[in-house]
Amino acid sequence: MATKIELSRITIDIPKIDHQRLKAMAALRGKSMREIILEAIESIEECALSSHLPNKKTIKAIKDADSEKNLIKGKEALKASKKLGP
């Protein structure tokens, strides 16, 4: 016997154009708007749970950029990228 999932209702206000886009997307995929939204939530969860965390070197570069330390200045992007290296 299948177990029942307890459901909760949510109501949101979205612009009419977004509602129309969602409705059209669902129709094109042969799904309900509910299914499209639940798939989007699952996708967000997968992205949030994946390990896309910056490493120490990246964190340091971000902090340096925020505090304007160790910046490489250049008039041209190509020259600047050569200074940065791989």
PDB file of N, CA and C in Angstrom:
ATOM      1  N   MET A   1       0.836  -1.183   0.000  1.00  0.00           N
ATOM      2  CA  MET A   1       0.000   0.000   0.000  1.00  0.00           C
ATOM      3  C   MET A   1       0.882   1.247   0.000  1.00  0.00           C
ATOM      4  N   ALA A   2       0.582   2.177  -0.876  1.00  0.00           N
ATOM      5  CA  ALA A   2       1.377   3.405  -1.002  1.00  0.00           C
ATOM      6  C   ALA A   2       1.108   4.330   0.179  1.00  0.00           C
ATOM      7  N   THR A   3       2.161   4.990   0.626  1.00  0.00           N
ATOM      8  CA  THR A   3       1.992   5.934   1.724  1.00  0.00           C
ATOM      9  C   THR A   3       1.525   7.266   1.171  1.00  0.00           C
ATOM     10  N   LYS A   4       0.690   7.931   1.947  1.00  0.00           N
ATOM     11  CA  LYS A   4       0.191   9.242   1.528  1.00  0.00           C
ATOM     12  C   LYS A   4       1.169  10.317   1.954  1.00  0.00           C
ATOM     13  N   ILE A   5       1.374  11.271   1.062  1.00  0.00           N
ATOM     14  CA  ILE A   5       2.227  12.410   1.363  1.00  0.00           C
ATOM     15  C   ILE A   5       1.331  13.552   1.811  1.00  0.00           C
ATOM     16  N   GLU A   6       1.681  14.131   2.944  1.00  0.00           N
ATOM     17  CA  GLU A   6       0.903  15.258   3.438  1.00  0.00           C
ATOM     18  C   GLU A   6       1.207  16.479   2.571  1.00  0.00           C
ATOM     19  N   LEU A   7       0.191  17.110   2.068  1.00  0.00           N
ATOM     20  CA  LEU A   7       0.350  18.250   1.174  1.00  0.00           C
ATOM     21  C   LEU A   7       0.083  19.553   1.911  1.00  0.00           C
ATOM     22  N   SER A   8       0.695  20.601   1.411  1.00  0.00           N
ATOM     23  CA  SER A   8       0.482  21.942   1.916  1.00  0.00           C
ATOM     24  C   SER A   8       0.193  22.836   0.719  1.00  0.00           C
ATOM     25  N   ARG A   9      -0.647  23.801   0.891  1.00  0.00           N
ATOM     26  CA  ARG A   9      -1.015  24.692  -0.212  1.00  0.00           C
ATOM     27  C   ARG A   9      -0.253  26.001  -0.098  1.00  0.00           C
ATOM     28  N   ILE A  10       0.149  26.533  -1.244  1.00  0.00           N
ATOM     29  CA  ILE A  10       0.836  27.814  -1.296  1.00  0.00           C
ATOM     30  C   ILE A  10       0.177  28.661  -2.377  1.00  0.00           C
ATOM     31  N   THR A  11       0.048  29.927  -2.101  1.00  0.00           N
ATOM     32  CA  THR A  11      -0.516  30.862  -3.076  1.00  0.00           C
ATOM     33  C   THR A  11       0.497  31.973  -3.293  1.00  0.00           C
ATOM     34  N   ILE A  12       0.792  32.245  -4.550  1.00  0.00           N
ATOM     35  CA  ILE A  12       1.716  33.335  -4.865  1.00  0.00           C
ATOM     36  C   ILE A  12       1.087  34.225  -5.928  1.00  0.00           C
ATOM     37  N   ASP A  13       1.473  35.464  -5.912  1.00  0.00           N
ATOM     38  CA  ASP A  13       1.044  36.406  -6.940  1.00  0.00           C
ATOM     39  C   ASP A  13       2.221  36.614  -7.882  1.00  0.00           C
ATOM     40  N   ILE A  14       1.988  36.395  -9.164  1.00  0.00           N
ATOM     41  CA  ILE A  14       3.024  36.615 -10.169  1.00  0.00           C
ATOM     42  C   ILE A  14       2.433  37.464 -11.284  1.00  0.00           C
ATOM     43  N   PRO A  15       3.287  38.147 -12.022  1.00  0.00           N
ATOM     44  CA  PRO A  15       2.777  38.940 -13.141  1.00  0.00           C
ATOM     45  C   PRO A  15       2.032  38.054 -14.141  1.00  0.00           C
ATOM     46  N   LYS A  16       1.010  38.612 -14.734  1.00  0.00           N
ATOM     47  CA  LYS A  16       0.173  37.868 -15.669  1.00  0.00           C
ATOM     48  C   LYS A  16       1.001  37.251 -16.797  1.00  0.00           C
ATOM     49  N   ILE A  17       1.996  37.973 -17.292  1.00  0.00           N
ATOM     50  CA  ILE A  17       2.821  37.469 -18.385  1.00  0.00           C
ATOM     51  C   ILE A  17       3.584  36.214 -17.956  1.00  0.00           C
ATOM     52  N   ASP A  18       4.062  36.194 -16.686  1.00  0.00           N
ATOM     53  CA  ASP A  18       4.767  35.009 -16.184  1.00  0.00           C
ATOM     54  C   ASP A  18       3.818  33.823 -16.050  1.00  0.00           C
ATOM     55  N   HIS A  19       2.593  34.089 -15.639  1.00  0.00           N
ATOM     56  CA  HIS A  19       1.591  33.027 -15.552  1.00  0.00           C
ATOM     57  C   HIS A  19       1.321  32.445 -16.932  1.00  0.00           C
ATOM     58  N   GLN A  20       1.214  33.309 -17.915  1.00  0.00           N
ATOM     59  CA  GLN A  20       0.973  32.844 -19.285  1.00  0.00           C
ATOM     60  C   GLN A  20       2.158  32.027 -19.800  1.00  0.00           C
ATOM     61  N   ARG A  21       3.375  32.482 -19.492  1.00  0.00           N
ATOM     62  CA  ARG A  21       4.573  31.745 -19.911  1.00  0.00           C
ATOM     63  C   ARG A  21       4.627  30.378 -19.251  1.00  0.00           C
ATOM     64  N   LEU A  22       4.320  30.319 -17.955  1.00  0.00           N
ATOM     65  CA  LEU A  22       4.315  29.048 -17.236  1.00  0.00           C
ATOM     66  C   LEU A  22       3.267  28.106 -17.812  1.00  0.00           C
ATOM     67  N   LYS A  23       2.100  28.635 -18.087  1.00  0.00           N
ATOM     68  CA  LYS A  23       1.014  27.833 -18.648  1.00  0.00           C
ATOM     69  C   LYS A  23       1.400  27.285 -20.023  1.00  0.00           C
ATOM     70  N   ALA A  24       2.023  28.132 -20.858  1.00  0.00           N
ATOM     71  CA  ALA A  24       2.447  27.704 -22.191  1.00  0.00           C
ATOM     72  C   ALA A  24       3.554  26.650 -22.092  1.00  0.00           C
ATOM     73  N   MET A  25       4.503  26.862 -21.182  1.00  0.00           N
ATOM     74  CA  MET A  25       5.594  25.907 -21.000  1.00  0.00           C
ATOM     75  C   MET A  25       5.041  24.540 -20.585  1.00  0.00           C
ATOM     76  N   ALA A  26       4.098  24.553 -19.671  1.00  0.00           N
ATOM     77  CA  ALA A  26       3.489  23.307 -19.214  1.00  0.00           C
ATOM     78  C   ALA A  26       2.768  22.611 -20.365  1.00  0.00           C
ATOM     79  N   ALA A  27       2.035  23.377 -21.153  1.00  0.00           N
ATOM     80  CA  ALA A  27       1.297  22.793 -22.277  1.00  0.00           C
ATOM     81  C   ALA A  27       2.253  22.182 -23.300  1.00  0.00           C
ATOM     82  N   LEU A  28       3.346  22.886 -23.595  1.00  0.00           N
ATOM     83  CA  LEU A  28       4.319  22.381 -24.564  1.00  0.00           C
ATOM     84  C   LEU A  28       4.976  21.090 -24.091  1.00  0.00           C
ATOM     85  N   ARG A  29       5.147  20.967 -22.794  1.00  0.00           N
ATOM     86  CA  ARG A  29       5.781  19.766 -22.234  1.00  0.00           C
ATOM     87  C   ARG A  29       4.777  18.681 -21.873  1.00  0.00           C
ATOM     88  N   GLY A  30       3.505  18.977 -22.029  1.00  0.00           N
ATOM     89  CA  GLY A  30       2.473  18.002 -21.688  1.00  0.00           C
ATOM     90  C   GLY A  30       2.395  17.737 -20.199  1.00  0.00           C
ATOM     91  N   LYS A  31       2.657  18.773 -19.413  1.00  0.00           N
ATOM     92  CA  LYS A  31       2.652  18.653 -17.958  1.00  0.00           C
ATOM     93  C   LYS A  31       1.750  19.723 -17.371  1.00  0.00           C
ATOM     94  N   SER A  32       1.483  19.581 -16.088  1.00  0.00           N
ATOM     95  CA  SER A  32       0.711  20.611 -15.399  1.00  0.00           C
ATOM     96  C   SER A  32       1.662  21.701 -14.911  1.00  0.00           C
ATOM     97  N   MET A  33       1.108  22.867 -14.610  1.00  0.00           N
ATOM     98  CA  MET A  33       1.930  23.932 -14.066  1.00  0.00           C
ATOM     99  C   MET A  33       2.525  23.488 -12.731  1.00  0.00           C
ATOM    100  N   ARG A  34       1.784  22.738 -11.969  1.00  0.00           N
ATOM    101  CA  ARG A  34       2.276  22.206 -10.693  1.00  0.00           C
ATOM    102  C   ARG A  34       3.517  21.358 -10.908  1.00  0.00           C
ATOM    103  N   GLU A  35       3.475  20.486 -11.905  1.00  0.00           N
ATOM    104  CA  GLU A  35       4.629  19.626 -12.195  1.00  0.00           C
ATOM    105  C   GLU A  35       5.854  20.449 -12.586  1.00  0.00           C
ATOM    106  N   ILE A  36       5.648  21.483 -13.396  1.00  0.00           N
ATOM    107  CA  ILE A  36       6.752  22.344 -13.816  1.00  0.00           C
ATOM    108  C   ILE A  36       7.376  23.033 -12.599  1.00  0.00           C
ATOM    109  N   ILE A  37       6.552  23.535 -11.709  1.00  0.00           N
ATOM    110  CA  ILE A  37       7.045  24.221 -10.519  1.00  0.00           C
ATOM    111  C   ILE A  37       7.781  23.251  -9.599  1.00  0.00           C
ATOM    112  N   LEU A  38       7.232  22.053  -9.392  1.00  0.00           N
ATOM    113  CA  LEU A  38       7.905  21.076  -8.536  1.00  0.00           C
ATOM    114  C   LEU A  38       9.250  20.655  -9.124  1.00  0.00           C
ATOM    115  N   GLU A  39       9.323  20.517 -10.453  1.00  0.00           N
ATOM    116  CA  GLU A  39      10.600  20.199 -11.101  1.00  0.00           C
ATOM    117  C   GLU A  39      11.611  21.327 -10.883  1.00  0.00           C
ATOM    118  N   ALA A  40      11.138  22.565 -10.940  1.00  0.00           N
ATOM    119  CA  ALA A  40      12.028  23.705 -10.718  1.00  0.00           C
ATOM    120  C   ALA A  40      12.559  23.701  -9.285  1.00  0.00           C
ATOM    121  N   ILE A  41      11.705  23.367  -8.328  1.00  0.00           N
ATOM    122  CA  ILE A  41      12.137  23.294  -6.927  1.00  0.00           C
ATOM    123  C   ILE A  41      13.185  22.208  -6.754  1.00  0.00           C
ATOM    124  N   GLU A  42      12.972  21.055  -7.379  1.00  0.00           N
ATOM    125  CA  GLU A  42      13.948  19.968  -7.304  1.00  0.00           C
ATOM    126  C   GLU A  42      15.286  20.399  -7.902  1.00  0.00           C
ATOM    127  N   SER A  43      15.227  21.122  -9.011  1.00  0.00           N
ATOM    128  CA  SER A  43      16.443  21.598  -9.660  1.00  0.00           C
ATOM    129  C   SER A  43      17.205  22.562  -8.752  1.00  0.00           C
ATOM    130  N   ILE A  44      16.490  23.432  -8.076  1.00  0.00           N
ATOM    131  CA  ILE A  44      17.112  24.367  -7.141  1.00  0.00           C
ATOM    132  C   ILE A  44      17.772  23.604  -5.999  1.00  0.00           C
ATOM    133  N   GLU A  45      17.085  22.589  -5.489  1.00  0.00           N
ATOM    134  CA  GLU A  45      17.645  21.783  -4.397  1.00  0.00           C
ATOM    135  C   GLU A  45      18.927  21.092  -4.840  1.00  0.00           C
ATOM    136  N   GLU A  46      18.921  20.521  -6.041  1.00  0.00           N
ATOM    137  CA  GLU A  46      20.106  19.830  -6.551  1.00  0.00           C
ATOM    138  C   GLU A  46      21.280  20.795  -6.666  1.00  0.00           C
ATOM    139  N   CYS A  47      21.008  21.984  -7.146  1.00  0.00           N
ATOM    140  CA  CYS A  47      22.064  22.989  -7.301  1.00  0.00           C
ATOM    141  C   CYS A  47      22.598  23.414  -5.939  1.00  0.00           C
ATOM    142  N   ALA A  48      21.707  23.610  -4.990  1.00  0.00           N
ATOM    143  CA  ALA A  48      22.113  24.056  -3.659  1.00  0.00           C
ATOM    144  C   ALA A  48      22.901  22.977  -2.929  1.00  0.00           C
ATOM    145  N   LEU A  49      22.597  21.723  -3.192  1.00  0.00           N
ATOM    146  CA  LEU A  49      23.264  20.625  -2.499  1.00  0.00           C
ATOM    147  C   LEU A  49      24.583  20.218  -3.145  1.00  0.00           C
ATOM    148  N   SER A  50      24.798  20.639  -4.381  1.00  0.00           N
ATOM    149  CA  SER A  50      26.038  20.257  -5.053  1.00  0.00           C
ATOM    150  C   SER A  50      27.200  21.039  -4.445  1.00  0.00           C
ATOM    151  N   SER A  51      28.387  20.516  -4.611  1.00  0.00           N
ATOM    152  CA  SER A  51      29.555  21.150  -3.987  1.00  0.00           C
ATOM    153  C   SER A  51      30.199  22.145  -4.942  1.00  0.00           C
ATOM    154  N   HIS A  52      29.537  23.250  -5.150  1.00  0.00           N
ATOM    155  CA  HIS A  52      30.079  24.318  -5.977  1.00  0.00           C
ATOM    156  C   HIS A  52      30.632  25.420  -5.078  1.00  0.00           C
ATOM    157  N   LEU A  53      31.326  24.994  -4.035  1.00  0.00           N
ATOM    158  CA  LEU A  53      31.877  25.964  -3.113  1.00  0.00           C
ATOM    159  C   LEU A  53      33.254  26.399  -3.588  1.00  0.00           C
ATOM    160  N   PRO A  54      33.570  27.677  -3.436  1.00  0.00           N
ATOM    161  CA  PRO A  54      34.884  28.150  -3.885  1.00  0.00           C
ATOM    162  C   PRO A  54      35.994  27.595  -2.991  1.00  0.00           C
ATOM    163  N   ASN A  55      37.157  27.347  -3.602  1.00  0.00           N
ATOM    164  CA  ASN A  55      38.299  26.871  -2.816  1.00  0.00           C
ATOM    165  C   ASN A  55      38.984  28.061  -2.146  1.00  0.00           C
ATOM    166  N   LYS A  56      40.043  27.788  -1.365  1.00  0.00           N
ATOM    167  CA  LYS A  56      40.720  28.846  -0.600  1.00  0.00           C
ATOM    168  C   LYS A  56      41.297  29.926  -1.508  1.00  0.00           C
ATOM    169  N   LYS A  57      41.866  29.509  -2.641  1.00  0.00           N
ATOM    170  CA  LYS A  57      42.473  30.474  -3.570  1.00  0.00           C
ATOM    171  C   LYS A  57      41.412  31.426  -4.135  1.00  0.00           C
ATOM    172  N   THR A  58      40.252  30.878  -4.473  1.00  0.00           N
ATOM    173  CA  THR A  58      39.167  31.701  -5.010  1.00  0.00           C
ATOM    174  C   THR A  58      38.630  32.639  -3.947  1.00  0.00           C
ATOM    175  N   ILE A  59      38.469  32.127  -2.723  1.00  0.00           N
ATOM    176  CA  ILE A  59      37.977  32.965  -1.621  1.00  0.00           C
ATOM    177  C   ILE A  59      38.931  34.130  -1.383  1.00  0.00           C
ATOM    178  N   LYS A  60      40.242  33.851  -1.401  1.00  0.00           N
ATOM    179  CA  LYS A  60      41.229  34.909  -1.218  1.00  0.00           C
ATOM    180  C   LYS A  60      41.136  35.938  -2.342  1.00  0.00           C
ATOM    181  N   ALA A  61      40.987  35.476  -3.582  1.00  0.00           N
ATOM    182  CA  ALA A  61      40.883  36.389  -4.722  1.00  0.00           C
ATOM    183  C   ALA A  61      39.652  37.279  -4.595  1.00  0.00           C
ATOM    184  N   ILE A  62      38.552  36.715  -4.133  1.00  0.00           N
ATOM    185  CA  ILE A  62      37.326  37.500  -3.952  1.00  0.00           C
ATOM    186  C   ILE A  62      37.529  38.556  -2.877  1.00  0.00           C
ATOM    187  N   LYS A  63      38.131  38.139  -1.748  1.00  0.00           N
ATOM    188  CA  LYS A  63      38.382  39.093  -0.659  1.00  0.00           C
ATOM    189  C   LYS A  63      39.339  40.199  -1.114  1.00  0.00           C
ATOM    190  N   ASP A  64      40.388  39.811  -1.848  1.00  0.00           N
ATOM    191  CA  ASP A  64      41.329  40.807  -2.366  1.00  0.00           C
ATOM    192  C   ASP A  64      40.635  41.787  -3.307  1.00  0.00           C
ATOM    193  N   ALA A  65      39.794  41.282  -4.166  1.00  0.00           N
ATOM    194  CA  ALA A  65      39.079  42.156  -5.108  1.00  0.00           C
ATOM    195  C   ALA A  65      38.143  43.099  -4.360  1.00  0.00           C
ATOM    196  N   ASP A  66      37.444  42.565  -3.346  1.00  0.00           N
ATOM    197  CA  ASP A  66      36.543  43.407  -2.564  1.00  0.00           C
ATOM    198  C   ASP A  66      37.281  44.529  -1.841  1.00  0.00           C
ATOM    199  N   SER A  67      38.477  44.206  -1.354  1.00  0.00           N
ATOM    200  CA  SER A  67      39.256  45.211  -0.624  1.00  0.00           C
ATOM    201  C   SER A  67      40.253  45.941  -1.523  1.00  0.00           C
ATOM    202  N   GLU A  68      40.184  45.649  -2.826  1.00  0.00           N
ATOM    203  CA  GLU A  68      41.040  46.265  -3.842  1.00  0.00           C
ATOM    204  C   GLU A  68      42.524  46.040  -3.565  1.00  0.00           C
ATOM    205  N   LYS A  69      42.865  44.826  -3.098  1.00  0.00           N
ATOM    206  CA  LYS A  69      44.257  44.453  -2.861  1.00  0.00           C
ATOM    207  C   LYS A  69      44.720  43.526  -3.982  1.00  0.00           C
ATOM    208  N   ASN A  70      46.018  43.584  -4.272  1.00  0.00           N
ATOM    209  CA  ASN A  70      46.653  42.685  -5.246  1.00  0.00           C
ATOM    210  C   ASN A  70      45.965  42.692  -6.615  1.00  0.00           C
ATOM    211  N   LEU A  71      45.424  43.846  -7.000  1.00  0.00           N
ATOM    212  CA  LEU A  71      44.767  43.934  -8.298  1.00  0.00           C
ATOM    213  C   LEU A  71      45.805  44.112  -9.402  1.00  0.00           C
ATOM    214  N   ILE A  72      45.557  43.498 -10.526  1.00  0.00           N
ATOM    215  CA  ILE A  72      46.411  43.657 -11.700  1.00  0.00           C
ATOM    216  C   ILE A  72      45.711  44.643 -12.620  1.00  0.00           C
ATOM    217  N   LYS A  73      46.390  45.732 -12.909  1.00  0.00           N
ATOM    218  CA  LYS A  73      45.791  46.750 -13.760  1.00  0.00           C
ATOM    219  C   LYS A  73      46.326  46.621 -15.177  1.00  0.00           C
ATOM    220  N   GLY A  74      45.468  46.836 -16.124  1.00  0.00           N
ATOM    221  CA  GLY A  74      45.881  46.779 -17.515  1.00  0.00           C
ATOM    222  C   GLY A  74      44.891  47.523 -18.388  1.00  0.00           C
ATOM    223  N   LYS A  75      45.385  48.027 -19.503  1.00  0.00           N
ATOM    224  CA  LYS A  75      44.511  48.760 -20.414  1.00  0.00           C
ATOM    225  C   LYS A  75      43.739  47.803 -21.309  1.00  0.00           C
ATOM    226  N   GLU A  76      44.268  46.619 -21.488  1.00  0.00           N
ATOM    227  CA  GLU A  76      43.623  45.665 -22.368  1.00  0.00           C
ATOM    228  C   GLU A  76      43.391  44.353 -21.628  1.00  0.00           C
ATOM    229  N   ALA A  77      42.251  43.764 -21.858  1.00  0.00           N
ATOM    230  CA  ALA A  77      41.904  42.519 -21.183  1.00  0.00           C
ATOM    231  C   ALA A  77      42.876  41.399 -21.522  1.00  0.00           C
ATOM    232  N   LEU A  78      43.325  41.320 -22.756  1.00  0.00           N
ATOM    233  CA  LEU A  78      44.235  40.251 -23.175  1.00  0.00           C
ATOM    234  C   LEU A  78      45.553  40.337 -22.416  1.00  0.00           C
ATOM    235  N   LYS A  79      46.099  41.548 -22.281  1.00  0.00           N
ATOM    236  CA  LYS A  79      47.352  41.715 -21.552  1.00  0.00           C
ATOM    237  C   LYS A  79      47.163  41.347 -20.080  1.00  0.00           C
ATOM    238  N   ALA A  80      46.049  41.742 -19.518  1.00  0.00           N
ATOM    239  CA  ALA A  80      45.770  41.429 -18.119  1.00  0.00           C
ATOM    240  C   ALA A  80      45.633  39.930 -17.901  1.00  0.00           C
ATOM    241  N   SER A  81      44.972  39.258 -18.828  1.00  0.00           N
ATOM    242  CA  SER A  81      44.798  37.809 -18.679  1.00  0.00           C
ATOM    243  C   SER A  81      46.117  37.076 -18.809  1.00  0.00           C
ATOM    244  N   LYS A  82      47.041  37.583 -19.619  1.00  0.00           N
ATOM    245  CA  LYS A  82      48.363  36.976 -19.741  1.00  0.00           C
ATOM    246  C   LYS A  82      49.145  37.125 -18.438  1.00  0.00           C
ATOM    247  N   LYS A  83      48.981  38.272 -17.749  1.00  0.00           N
ATOM    248  CA  LYS A  83      49.636  38.473 -16.487  1.00  0.00           C
ATOM    249  C   LYS A  83      49.096  37.520 -15.414  1.00  0.00           C
ATOM    250  N   LEU A  84      47.819  37.222 -15.488  1.00  0.00           N
ATOM    251  CA  LEU A  84      47.190  36.350 -14.497  1.00  0.00           C
ATOM    252  C   LEU A  84      47.645  34.900 -14.650  1.00  0.00           C
ATOM    253  N   GLY A  85      47.871  34.493 -15.881  1.00  0.00           N
ATOM    254  CA  GLY A  85      48.298  33.120 -16.139  1.00  0.00           C
ATOM    255  C   GLY A  85      47.128  32.142 -16.116  1.00  0.00           C
ATOM    256  N   PRO A  86      47.448  30.828 -16.249  1.00  0.00           N
ATOM    257  CA  PRO A  86      46.381  29.814 -16.322  1.00  0.00           C
ATOM    258  C   PRO A  86      45.672  29.605 -15.011  1.00  0.00           C
TER     259      PRO A  86
END
